[in-house]
Amino acid sequence: MTKQSAVYILTSNKNNVLYIGVTSDLIKRVWQHKNGSFKGFSKKYNVSKLVYFEQHQSMEEAIVREKQLKYWKRDWKERIIEENNPEWHDLYDQLL
């Protein structure tokens, strides 16, 4: 996978916490979350399982979409995850 703007959703191992982010290098960013490189929300709540992502043509598009998803209610976020990843598997290995 080459570098491309992406919006992603991470969750904790028990799927009780959701984190939405945007990046230009999804593999690197998820690796950073998995290895605790970021201080803050994702490290505090052990949010490192990639359950959903979308690729976009530009960072501007990705940022707009990230803001949309962050505004959504929890059940809407769960629905988009389950439509694409019904078992909530960690998709990180599929990126490699």
PDB file of N, CA and C in Angstrom:
ATOM      1  N   MET A   1       0.852  -1.177   0.000  1.00  0.00           N
ATOM      2  CA  MET A   1       0.000   0.000   0.000  1.00  0.00           C
ATOM      3  C   MET A   1       0.893   1.235   0.000  1.00  0.00           C
ATOM      4  N   THR A   2       0.685   2.109  -0.959  1.00  0.00           N
ATOM      5  CA  THR A   2       1.461   3.336  -1.014  1.00  0.00           C
ATOM      6  C   THR A   2       0.809   4.399  -0.140  1.00  0.00           C
ATOM      7  N   LYS A   3       1.556   5.450   0.105  1.00  0.00           N
ATOM      8  CA  LYS A   3       1.008   6.530   0.912  1.00  0.00           C
ATOM      9  C   LYS A   3      -0.185   7.140   0.194  1.00  0.00           C
ATOM     10  N   GLN A   4      -1.271   7.311   0.949  1.00  0.00           N
ATOM     11  CA  GLN A   4      -2.480   7.925   0.423  1.00  0.00           C
ATOM     12  C   GLN A   4      -3.300   8.417   1.599  1.00  0.00           C
ATOM     13  N   SER A   5      -3.958   9.530   1.410  1.00  0.00           N
ATOM     14  CA  SER A   5      -4.791  10.083   2.478  1.00  0.00           C
ATOM     15  C   SER A   5      -5.870   9.089   2.874  1.00  0.00           C
ATOM     16  N   ALA A   6      -6.078   8.950   4.171  1.00  0.00           N
ATOM     17  CA  ALA A   6      -7.062   7.990   4.660  1.00  0.00           C
ATOM     18  C   ALA A   6      -7.685   8.463   5.968  1.00  0.00           C
ATOM     19  N   VAL A   7      -8.931   8.070   6.147  1.00  0.00           N
ATOM     20  CA  VAL A   7      -9.633   8.219   7.416  1.00  0.00           C
ATOM     21  C   VAL A   7      -9.723   6.818   7.993  1.00  0.00           C
ATOM     22  N   TYR A   8      -9.563   6.700   9.304  1.00  0.00           N
ATOM     23  CA  TYR A   8      -9.569   5.369   9.904  1.00  0.00           C
ATOM     24  C   TYR A   8     -10.289   5.385  11.239  1.00  0.00           C
ATOM     25  N   ILE A   9     -10.781   4.201  11.606  1.00  0.00           N
ATOM     26  CA  ILE A   9     -11.406   4.026  12.921  1.00  0.00           C
ATOM     27  C   ILE A   9     -10.670   2.897  13.632  1.00  0.00           C
ATOM     28  N   LEU A  10     -10.224   3.201  14.825  1.00  0.00           N
ATOM     29  CA  LEU A  10      -9.596   2.215  15.706  1.00  0.00           C
ATOM     30  C   LEU A  10     -10.529   1.947  16.868  1.00  0.00           C
ATOM     31  N   THR A  11     -10.362   0.789  17.476  1.00  0.00           N
ATOM     32  CA  THR A  11     -11.118   0.464  18.672  1.00  0.00           C
ATOM     33  C   THR A  11     -10.204  -0.251  19.655  1.00  0.00           C
ATOM     34  N   SER A  12     -10.704  -0.423  20.859  1.00  0.00           N
ATOM     35  CA  SER A  12      -9.978  -1.190  21.872  1.00  0.00           C
ATOM     36  C   SER A  12     -10.242  -2.672  21.632  1.00  0.00           C
ATOM     37  N   ASN A  13      -9.565  -3.528  22.348  1.00  0.00           N
ATOM     38  CA  ASN A  13      -9.747  -4.970  22.170  1.00  0.00           C
ATOM     39  C   ASN A  13     -11.168  -5.426  22.462  1.00  0.00           C
ATOM     40  N   LYS A  14     -11.871  -4.722  23.316  1.00  0.00           N
ATOM     41  CA  LYS A  14     -13.245  -5.102  23.646  1.00  0.00           C
ATOM     42  C   LYS A  14     -14.270  -4.317  22.835  1.00  0.00           C
ATOM     43  N   ASN A  15     -13.810  -3.535  21.868  1.00  0.00           N
ATOM     44  CA  ASN A  15     -14.675  -2.757  20.974  1.00  0.00           C
ATOM     45  C   ASN A  15     -15.560  -1.744  21.705  1.00  0.00           C
ATOM     46  N   ASN A  16     -15.133  -1.293  22.865  1.00  0.00           N
ATOM     47  CA  ASN A  16     -15.970  -0.359  23.611  1.00  0.00           C
ATOM     48  C   ASN A  16     -15.580   1.100  23.439  1.00  0.00           C
ATOM     49  N   VAL A  17     -14.433   1.369  22.826  1.00  0.00           N
ATOM     50  CA  VAL A  17     -13.978   2.734  22.594  1.00  0.00           C
ATOM     51  C   VAL A  17     -13.674   2.873  21.101  1.00  0.00           C
ATOM     52  N   LEU A  18     -14.115   3.978  20.496  1.00  0.00           N
ATOM     53  CA  LEU A  18     -13.805   4.244  19.096  1.00  0.00           C
ATOM     54  C   LEU A  18     -12.950   5.493  18.986  1.00  0.00           C
ATOM     55  N   TYR A  19     -12.002   5.458  18.050  1.00  0.00           N
ATOM     56  CA  TYR A  19     -11.126   6.591  17.780  1.00  0.00           C
ATOM     57  C   TYR A  19     -11.121   6.807  16.278  1.00  0.00           C
ATOM     58  N   ILE A  20     -11.351   8.025  15.829  1.00  0.00           N
ATOM     59  CA  ILE A  20     -11.337   8.344  14.407  1.00  0.00           C
ATOM     60  C   ILE A  20     -10.177   9.284  14.140  1.00  0.00           C
ATOM     61  N   GLY A  21      -9.394   8.961  13.107  1.00  0.00           N
ATOM     62  CA  GLY A  21      -8.253   9.792  12.754  1.00  0.00           C
ATOM     63  C   GLY A  21      -8.095   9.920  11.261  1.00  0.00           C
ATOM     64  N   VAL A  22      -7.150  10.753  10.855  1.00  0.00           N
ATOM     65  CA  VAL A  22      -6.836  10.979   9.449  1.00  0.00           C
ATOM     66  C   VAL A  22      -5.321  10.970   9.306  1.00  0.00           C
ATOM     67  N   THR A  23      -4.836  10.472   8.168  1.00  0.00           N
ATOM     68  CA  THR A  23      -3.393  10.361   7.968  1.00  0.00           C
ATOM     69  C   THR A  23      -3.064  10.294   6.483  1.00  0.00           C
ATOM     70  N   SER A  24      -1.814  10.528   6.154  1.00  0.00           N
ATOM     71  CA  SER A  24      -1.345  10.332   4.781  1.00  0.00           C
ATOM     72  C   SER A  24      -0.564   9.028   4.649  1.00  0.00           C
ATOM     73  N   ASP A  25      -0.361   8.338   5.767  1.00  0.00           N
ATOM     74  CA  ASP A  25       0.370   7.064   5.756  1.00  0.00           C
ATOM     75  C   ASP A  25      -0.279   6.128   6.775  1.00  0.00           C
ATOM     76  N   LEU A  26      -1.273   5.389   6.318  1.00  0.00           N
ATOM     77  CA  LEU A  26      -2.089   4.575   7.218  1.00  0.00           C
ATOM     78  C   LEU A  26      -1.278   3.493   7.929  1.00  0.00           C
ATOM     79  N   ILE A  27      -0.418   2.810   7.207  1.00  0.00           N
ATOM     80  CA  ILE A  27       0.378   1.741   7.825  1.00  0.00           C
ATOM     81  C   ILE A  27       1.223   2.299   8.972  1.00  0.00           C
ATOM     82  N   LYS A  28       1.915   3.371   8.705  1.00  0.00           N
ATOM     83  CA  LYS A  28       2.771   3.974   9.732  1.00  0.00           C
ATOM     84  C   LYS A  28       1.946   4.463  10.923  1.00  0.00           C
ATOM     85  N   ARG A  29       0.824   5.129  10.629  1.00  0.00           N
ATOM     86  CA  ARG A  29       0.029   5.692  11.715  1.00  0.00           C
ATOM     87  C   ARG A  29      -0.554   4.604  12.610  1.00  0.00           C
ATOM     88  N   VAL A  30      -1.078   3.530  12.023  1.00  0.00           N
ATOM     89  CA  VAL A  30      -1.637   2.453  12.843  1.00  0.00           C
ATOM     90  C   VAL A  30      -0.525   1.785  13.646  1.00  0.00           C
ATOM     91  N   TRP A  31       0.640   1.600  13.034  1.00  0.00           N
ATOM     92  CA  TRP A  31       1.783   1.042  13.756  1.00  0.00           C
ATOM     93  C   TRP A  31       2.097   1.911  14.978  1.00  0.00           C
ATOM     94  N   GLN A  32       2.070   3.223  14.794  1.00  0.00           N
ATOM     95  CA  GLN A  32       2.338   4.130  15.912  1.00  0.00           C
ATOM     96  C   GLN A  32       1.315   3.957  17.028  1.00  0.00           C
ATOM     97  N   HIS A  33       0.062   3.818  16.674  1.00  0.00           N
ATOM     98  CA  HIS A  33      -0.974   3.585  17.687  1.00  0.00           C
ATOM     99  C   HIS A  33      -0.724   2.255  18.394  1.00  0.00           C
ATOM    100  N   LYS A  34      -0.401   1.211  17.652  1.00  0.00           N
ATOM    101  CA  LYS A  34      -0.184  -0.114  18.233  1.00  0.00           C
ATOM    102  C   LYS A  34       1.011  -0.141  19.180  1.00  0.00           C
ATOM    103  N   ASN A  35       1.980   0.704  18.926  1.00  0.00           N
ATOM    104  CA  ASN A  35       3.199   0.711  19.728  1.00  0.00           C
ATOM    105  C   ASN A  35       3.242   1.837  20.753  1.00  0.00           C
ATOM    106  N   GLY A  36       2.129   2.515  20.943  1.00  0.00           N
ATOM    107  CA  GLY A  36       2.034   3.534  21.991  1.00  0.00           C
ATOM    108  C   GLY A  36       2.863   4.772  21.737  1.00  0.00           C
ATOM    109  N   SER A  37       3.116   5.094  20.480  1.00  0.00           N
ATOM    110  CA  SER A  37       3.931   6.265  20.153  1.00  0.00           C
ATOM    111  C   SER A  37       3.231   7.586  20.416  1.00  0.00           C
ATOM    112  N   PHE A  38       1.906   7.558  20.485  1.00  0.00           N
ATOM    113  CA  PHE A  38       1.132   8.779  20.719  1.00  0.00           C
ATOM    114  C   PHE A  38       0.694   8.850  22.168  1.00  0.00           C
ATOM    115  N   LYS A  39       0.935   9.974  22.780  1.00  0.00           N
ATOM    116  CA  LYS A  39       0.369  10.210  24.096  1.00  0.00           C
ATOM    117  C   LYS A  39      -1.047  10.704  23.874  1.00  0.00           C
ATOM    118  N   GLY A  40      -1.902  10.456  24.831  1.00  0.00           N
ATOM    119  CA  GLY A  40      -3.259  10.970  24.705  1.00  0.00           C
ATOM    120  C   GLY A  40      -4.299   9.875  24.659  1.00  0.00           C
ATOM    121  N   PHE A  41      -5.408  10.176  23.995  1.00  0.00           N
ATOM    122  CA  PHE A  41      -6.593   9.332  24.011  1.00  0.00           C
ATOM    123  C   PHE A  41      -6.325   7.886  23.612  1.00  0.00           C
ATOM    124  N   SER A  42      -5.703   7.672  22.453  1.00  0.00           N
ATOM    125  CA  SER A  42      -5.544   6.296  21.971  1.00  0.00           C
ATOM    126  C   SER A  42      -4.639   5.466  22.876  1.00  0.00           C
ATOM    127  N   LYS A  43      -3.622   6.084  23.440  1.00  0.00           N
ATOM    128  CA  LYS A  43      -2.741   5.353  24.359  1.00  0.00           C
ATOM    129  C   LYS A  43      -3.443   5.118  25.695  1.00  0.00           C
ATOM    130  N   LYS A  44      -4.110   6.136  26.205  1.00  0.00           N
ATOM    131  CA  LYS A  44      -4.794   6.031  27.495  1.00  0.00           C
ATOM    132  C   LYS A  44      -5.832   4.915  27.500  1.00  0.00           C
ATOM    133  N   TYR A  45      -6.570   4.780  26.387  1.00  0.00           N
ATOM    134  CA  TYR A  45      -7.652   3.801  26.322  1.00  0.00           C
ATOM    135  C   TYR A  45      -7.287   2.553  25.527  1.00  0.00           C
ATOM    136  N   ASN A  46      -5.999   2.382  25.213  1.00  0.00           N
ATOM    137  CA  ASN A  46      -5.508   1.204  24.495  1.00  0.00           C
ATOM    138  C   ASN A  46      -6.299   0.952  23.211  1.00  0.00           C
ATOM    139  N   VAL A  47      -6.405   1.995  22.410  1.00  0.00           N
ATOM    140  CA  VAL A  47      -7.156   1.943  21.164  1.00  0.00           C
ATOM    141  C   VAL A  47      -6.155   1.744  20.026  1.00  0.00           C
ATOM    142  N   SER A  48      -6.098   0.518  19.497  1.00  0.00           N
ATOM    143  CA  SER A  48      -5.097   0.234  18.472  1.00  0.00           C
ATOM    144  C   SER A  48      -5.547  -0.777  17.423  1.00  0.00           C
ATOM    145  N   LYS A  49      -6.778  -1.235  17.486  1.00  0.00           N
ATOM    146  CA  LYS A  49      -7.269  -2.229  16.530  1.00  0.00           C
ATOM    147  C   LYS A  49      -7.960  -1.506  15.373  1.00  0.00           C
ATOM    148  N   LEU A  50      -7.400  -1.623  14.178  1.00  0.00           N
ATOM    149  CA  LEU A  50      -7.961  -0.979  12.991  1.00  0.00           C
ATOM    150  C   LEU A  50      -9.180  -1.765  12.521  1.00  0.00           C
ATOM    151  N   VAL A  51     -10.350  -1.147  12.587  1.00  0.00           N
ATOM    152  CA  VAL A  51     -11.571  -1.853  12.189  1.00  0.00           C
ATOM    153  C   VAL A  51     -12.221  -1.266  10.940  1.00  0.00           C
ATOM    154  N   TYR A  52     -11.771  -0.088  10.509  1.00  0.00           N
ATOM    155  CA  TYR A  52     -12.362   0.536   9.328  1.00  0.00           C
ATOM    156  C   TYR A  52     -11.405   1.588   8.793  1.00  0.00           C
ATOM    157  N   PHE A  53     -11.367   1.722   7.461  1.00  0.00           N
ATOM    158  CA  PHE A  53     -10.643   2.825   6.857  1.00  0.00           C
ATOM    159  C   PHE A  53     -11.205   3.128   5.486  1.00  0.00           C
ATOM    160  N   GLU A  54     -11.010   4.357   5.057  1.00  0.00           N
ATOM    161  CA  GLU A  54     -11.376   4.822   3.727  1.00  0.00           C
ATOM    162  C   GLU A  54     -10.194   5.574   3.159  1.00  0.00           C
ATOM    163  N   GLN A  55      -9.891   5.352   1.901  1.00  0.00           N
ATOM    164  CA  GLN A  55      -8.833   6.110   1.241  1.00  0.00           C
ATOM    165  C   GLN A  55      -9.465   7.245   0.442  1.00  0.00           C
ATOM    166  N   HIS A  56      -8.764   8.364   0.364  1.00  0.00           N
ATOM    167  CA  HIS A  56      -9.256   9.554  -0.328  1.00  0.00           C
ATOM    168  C   HIS A  56      -8.188  10.106  -1.258  1.00  0.00           C
ATOM    169  N   GLN A  57      -8.632  10.836  -2.253  1.00  0.00           N
ATOM    170  CA  GLN A  57      -7.724  11.398  -3.255  1.00  0.00           C
ATOM    171  C   GLN A  57      -6.854  12.524  -2.698  1.00  0.00           C
ATOM    172  N   SER A  58      -7.356  13.237  -1.713  1.00  0.00           N
ATOM    173  CA  SER A  58      -6.587  14.351  -1.141  1.00  0.00           C
ATOM    174  C   SER A  58      -6.767  14.384   0.370  1.00  0.00           C
ATOM    175  N   MET A  59      -5.840  15.049   1.012  1.00  0.00           N
ATOM    176  CA  MET A  59      -5.931  15.207   2.461  1.00  0.00           C
ATOM    177  C   MET A  59      -7.137  16.071   2.819  1.00  0.00           C
ATOM    178  N   GLU A  60      -7.446  17.041   1.988  1.00  0.00           N
ATOM    179  CA  GLU A  60      -8.604  17.894   2.246  1.00  0.00           C
ATOM    180  C   GLU A  60      -9.890  17.065   2.284  1.00  0.00           C
ATOM    181  N   GLU A  61     -10.057  16.144   1.322  1.00  0.00           N
ATOM    182  CA  GLU A  61     -11.230  15.259   1.305  1.00  0.00           C
ATOM    183  C   GLU A  61     -11.263  14.379   2.551  1.00  0.00           C
ATOM    184  N   ALA A  62     -10.110  13.866   2.922  1.00  0.00           N
ATOM    185  CA  ALA A  62     -10.025  12.991   4.088  1.00  0.00           C
ATOM    186  C   ALA A  62     -10.400  13.742   5.366  1.00  0.00           C
ATOM    187  N   ILE A  63      -9.959  14.965   5.486  1.00  0.00           N
ATOM    188  CA  ILE A  63     -10.264  15.763   6.675  1.00  0.00           C
ATOM    189  C   ILE A  63     -11.754  16.070   6.755  1.00  0.00           C
ATOM    190  N   VAL A  64     -12.363  16.387   5.616  1.00  0.00           N
ATOM    191  CA  VAL A  64     -13.813  16.630   5.601  1.00  0.00           C
ATOM    192  C   VAL A  64     -14.552  15.379   6.061  1.00  0.00           C
ATOM    193  N   ARG A  65     -14.143  14.216   5.542  1.00  0.00           N
ATOM    194  CA  ARG A  65     -14.801  12.965   5.919  1.00  0.00           C
ATOM    195  C   ARG A  65     -14.575  12.635   7.393  1.00  0.00           C
ATOM    196  N   GLU A  66     -13.357  12.880   7.892  1.00  0.00           N
ATOM    197  CA  GLU A  66     -13.073  12.647   9.306  1.00  0.00           C
ATOM    198  C   GLU A  66     -14.019  13.463  10.183  1.00  0.00           C
ATOM    199  N   LYS A  67     -14.219  14.718   9.829  1.00  0.00           N
ATOM    200  CA  LYS A  67     -15.111  15.574  10.604  1.00  0.00           C
ATOM    201  C   LYS A  67     -16.542  15.061  10.562  1.00  0.00           C
ATOM    202  N   GLN A  68     -16.968  14.554   9.399  1.00  0.00           N
ATOM    203  CA  GLN A  68     -18.306  13.964   9.296  1.00  0.00           C
ATOM    204  C   GLN A  68     -18.451  12.790  10.258  1.00  0.00           C
ATOM    205  N   LEU A  69     -17.490  11.869  10.187  1.00  0.00           N
ATOM    206  CA  LEU A  69     -17.566  10.669  11.023  1.00  0.00           C
ATOM    207  C   LEU A  69     -17.527  11.002  12.505  1.00  0.00           C
ATOM    208  N   LYS A  70     -16.721  11.968  12.881  1.00  0.00           N
ATOM    209  CA  LYS A  70     -16.639  12.348  14.293  1.00  0.00           C
ATOM    210  C   LYS A  70     -17.956  12.939  14.790  1.00  0.00           C
ATOM    211  N   TYR A  71     -18.713  13.543  13.891  1.00  0.00           N
ATOM    212  CA  TYR A  71     -19.999  14.133  14.250  1.00  0.00           C
ATOM    213  C   TYR A  71     -21.088  13.072  14.409  1.00  0.00           C
ATOM    214  N   TRP A  72     -20.914  11.925  13.753  1.00  0.00           N
ATOM    215  CA  TRP A  72     -21.923  10.859  13.776  1.00  0.00           C
ATOM    216  C   TRP A  72     -22.143  10.314  15.176  1.00  0.00           C
ATOM    217  N   LYS A  73     -23.355   9.795  15.375  1.00  0.00           N
ATOM    218  CA  LYS A  73     -23.674   9.094  16.611  1.00  0.00           C
ATOM    219  C   LYS A  73     -22.968   7.741  16.617  1.00  0.00           C
ATOM    220  N   ARG A  74     -22.781   7.195  17.777  1.00  0.00           N
ATOM    221  CA  ARG A  74     -22.056   5.922  17.922  1.00  0.00           C
ATOM    222  C   ARG A  74     -22.678   4.805  17.078  1.00  0.00           C
ATOM    223  N   ASP A  75     -23.988   4.687  17.085  1.00  0.00           N
ATOM    224  CA  ASP A  75     -24.606   3.588  16.337  1.00  0.00           C
ATOM    225  C   ASP A  75     -24.390   3.733  14.836  1.00  0.00           C
ATOM    226  N   TRP A  76     -24.272   4.950  14.322  1.00  0.00           N
ATOM    227  CA  TRP A  76     -23.971   5.143  12.907  1.00  0.00           C
ATOM    228  C   TRP A  76     -22.547   4.673  12.609  1.00  0.00           C
ATOM    229  N   LYS A  77     -21.632   4.974  13.518  1.00  0.00           N
ATOM    230  CA  LYS A  77     -20.240   4.536  13.341  1.00  0.00           C
ATOM    231  C   LYS A  77     -20.162   3.013  13.382  1.00  0.00           C
ATOM    232  N   GLU A  78     -20.874   2.413  14.314  1.00  0.00           N
ATOM    233  CA  GLU A  78     -20.881   0.947  14.398  1.00  0.00           C
ATOM    234  C   GLU A  78     -21.458   0.330  13.128  1.00  0.00           C
ATOM    235  N   ARG A  79     -22.481   0.952  12.580  1.00  0.00           N
ATOM    236  CA  ARG A  79     -23.112   0.430  11.362  1.00  0.00           C
ATOM    237  C   ARG A  79     -22.121   0.433  10.188  1.00  0.00           C
ATOM    238  N   ILE A  80     -21.378   1.514  10.009  1.00  0.00           N
ATOM    239  CA  ILE A  80     -20.429   1.566   8.889  1.00  0.00           C
ATOM    240  C   ILE A  80     -19.304   0.542   9.083  1.00  0.00           C
ATOM    241  N   ILE A  81     -18.893   0.317  10.316  1.00  0.00           N
ATOM    242  CA  ILE A  81     -17.883  -0.708  10.587  1.00  0.00           C
ATOM    243  C   ILE A  81     -18.455  -2.080  10.246  1.00  0.00           C
ATOM    244  N   GLU A  82     -19.634  -2.379  10.739  1.00  0.00           N
ATOM    245  CA  GLU A  82     -20.221  -3.709  10.561  1.00  0.00           C
ATOM    246  C   GLU A  82     -20.596  -4.001   9.114  1.00  0.00           C
ATOM    247  N   GLU A  83     -20.911  -2.972   8.324  1.00  0.00           N
ATOM    248  CA  GLU A  83     -21.183  -3.178   6.896  1.00  0.00           C
ATOM    249  C   GLU A  83     -19.934  -3.629   6.159  1.00  0.00           C
ATOM    250  N   ASN A  84     -18.777  -3.207   6.622  1.00  0.00           N
ATOM    251  CA  ASN A  84     -17.514  -3.500   5.955  1.00  0.00           C
ATOM    252  C   ASN A  84     -16.663  -4.537   6.668  1.00  0.00           C
ATOM    253  N   ASN A  85     -16.884  -4.698   7.953  1.00  0.00           N
ATOM    254  CA  ASN A  85     -16.070  -5.585   8.774  1.00  0.00           C
ATOM    255  C   ASN A  85     -16.950  -6.160   9.891  1.00  0.00           C
ATOM    256  N   PRO A  86     -17.897  -7.063   9.530  1.00  0.00           N
ATOM    257  CA  PRO A  86     -18.908  -7.518  10.494  1.00  0.00           C
ATOM    258  C   PRO A  86     -18.365  -8.135  11.778  1.00  0.00           C
ATOM    259  N   GLU A  87     -17.201  -8.742  11.713  1.00  0.00           N
ATOM    260  CA  GLU A  87     -16.625  -9.391  12.895  1.00  0.00           C
ATOM    261  C   GLU A  87     -15.668  -8.474  13.660  1.00  0.00           C
ATOM    262  N   TRP A  88     -15.523  -7.262  13.204  1.00  0.00           N
ATOM    263  CA  TRP A  88     -14.628  -6.280  13.823  1.00  0.00           C
ATOM    264  C   TRP A  88     -13.187  -6.819  13.915  1.00  0.00           C
ATOM    265  N   HIS A  89     -12.723  -7.468  12.862  1.00  0.00           N
ATOM    266  CA  HIS A  89     -11.349  -7.966  12.826  1.00  0.00           C
ATOM    267  C   HIS A  89     -10.375  -6.798  12.711  1.00  0.00           C
ATOM    268  N   ASP A  90      -9.174  -6.999  13.188  1.00  0.00           N
ATOM    269  CA  ASP A  90      -8.109  -6.017  13.025  1.00  0.00           C
ATOM    270  C   ASP A  90      -7.633  -6.093  11.578  1.00  0.00           C
ATOM    271  N   LEU A  91      -7.774  -5.008  10.843  1.00  0.00           N
ATOM    272  CA  LEU A  91      -7.451  -4.965   9.415  1.00  0.00           C
ATOM    273  C   LEU A  91      -5.991  -4.602   9.142  1.00  0.00           C
ATOM    274  N   TYR A  92      -5.226  -4.355  10.183  1.00  0.00           N
ATOM    275  CA  TYR A  92      -3.848  -3.888  10.000  1.00  0.00           C
ATOM    276  C   TYR A  92      -3.017  -4.846   9.159  1.00  0.00           C
ATOM    277  N   ASP A  93      -3.087  -6.136   9.424  1.00  0.00           N
ATOM    278  CA  ASP A  93      -2.281  -7.099   8.676  1.00  0.00           C
ATOM    279  C   ASP A  93      -2.633  -7.116   7.194  1.00  0.00           C
ATOM    280  N   GLN A  94      -3.845  -6.761   6.840  1.00  0.00           N
ATOM    281  CA  GLN A  94      -4.242  -6.703   5.434  1.00  0.00           C
ATOM    282  C   GLN A  94      -3.580  -5.545   4.704  1.00  0.00           C
ATOM    283  N   LEU A  95      -3.115  -4.556   5.450  1.00  0.00           N
ATOM    284  CA  LEU A  95      -2.448  -3.408   4.830  1.00  0.00           C
ATOM    285  C   LEU A  95      -1.022  -3.727   4.427  1.00  0.00           C
ATOM    286  N   LEU A  96      -0.414  -4.690   5.099  1.00  0.00           N
ATOM    287  CA  LEU A  96       0.998  -4.999   4.886  1.00  0.00           C
ATOM    288  C   LEU A  96       1.235  -5.812   3.627  1.00  0.00           C
TER     289      LEU A  96
END
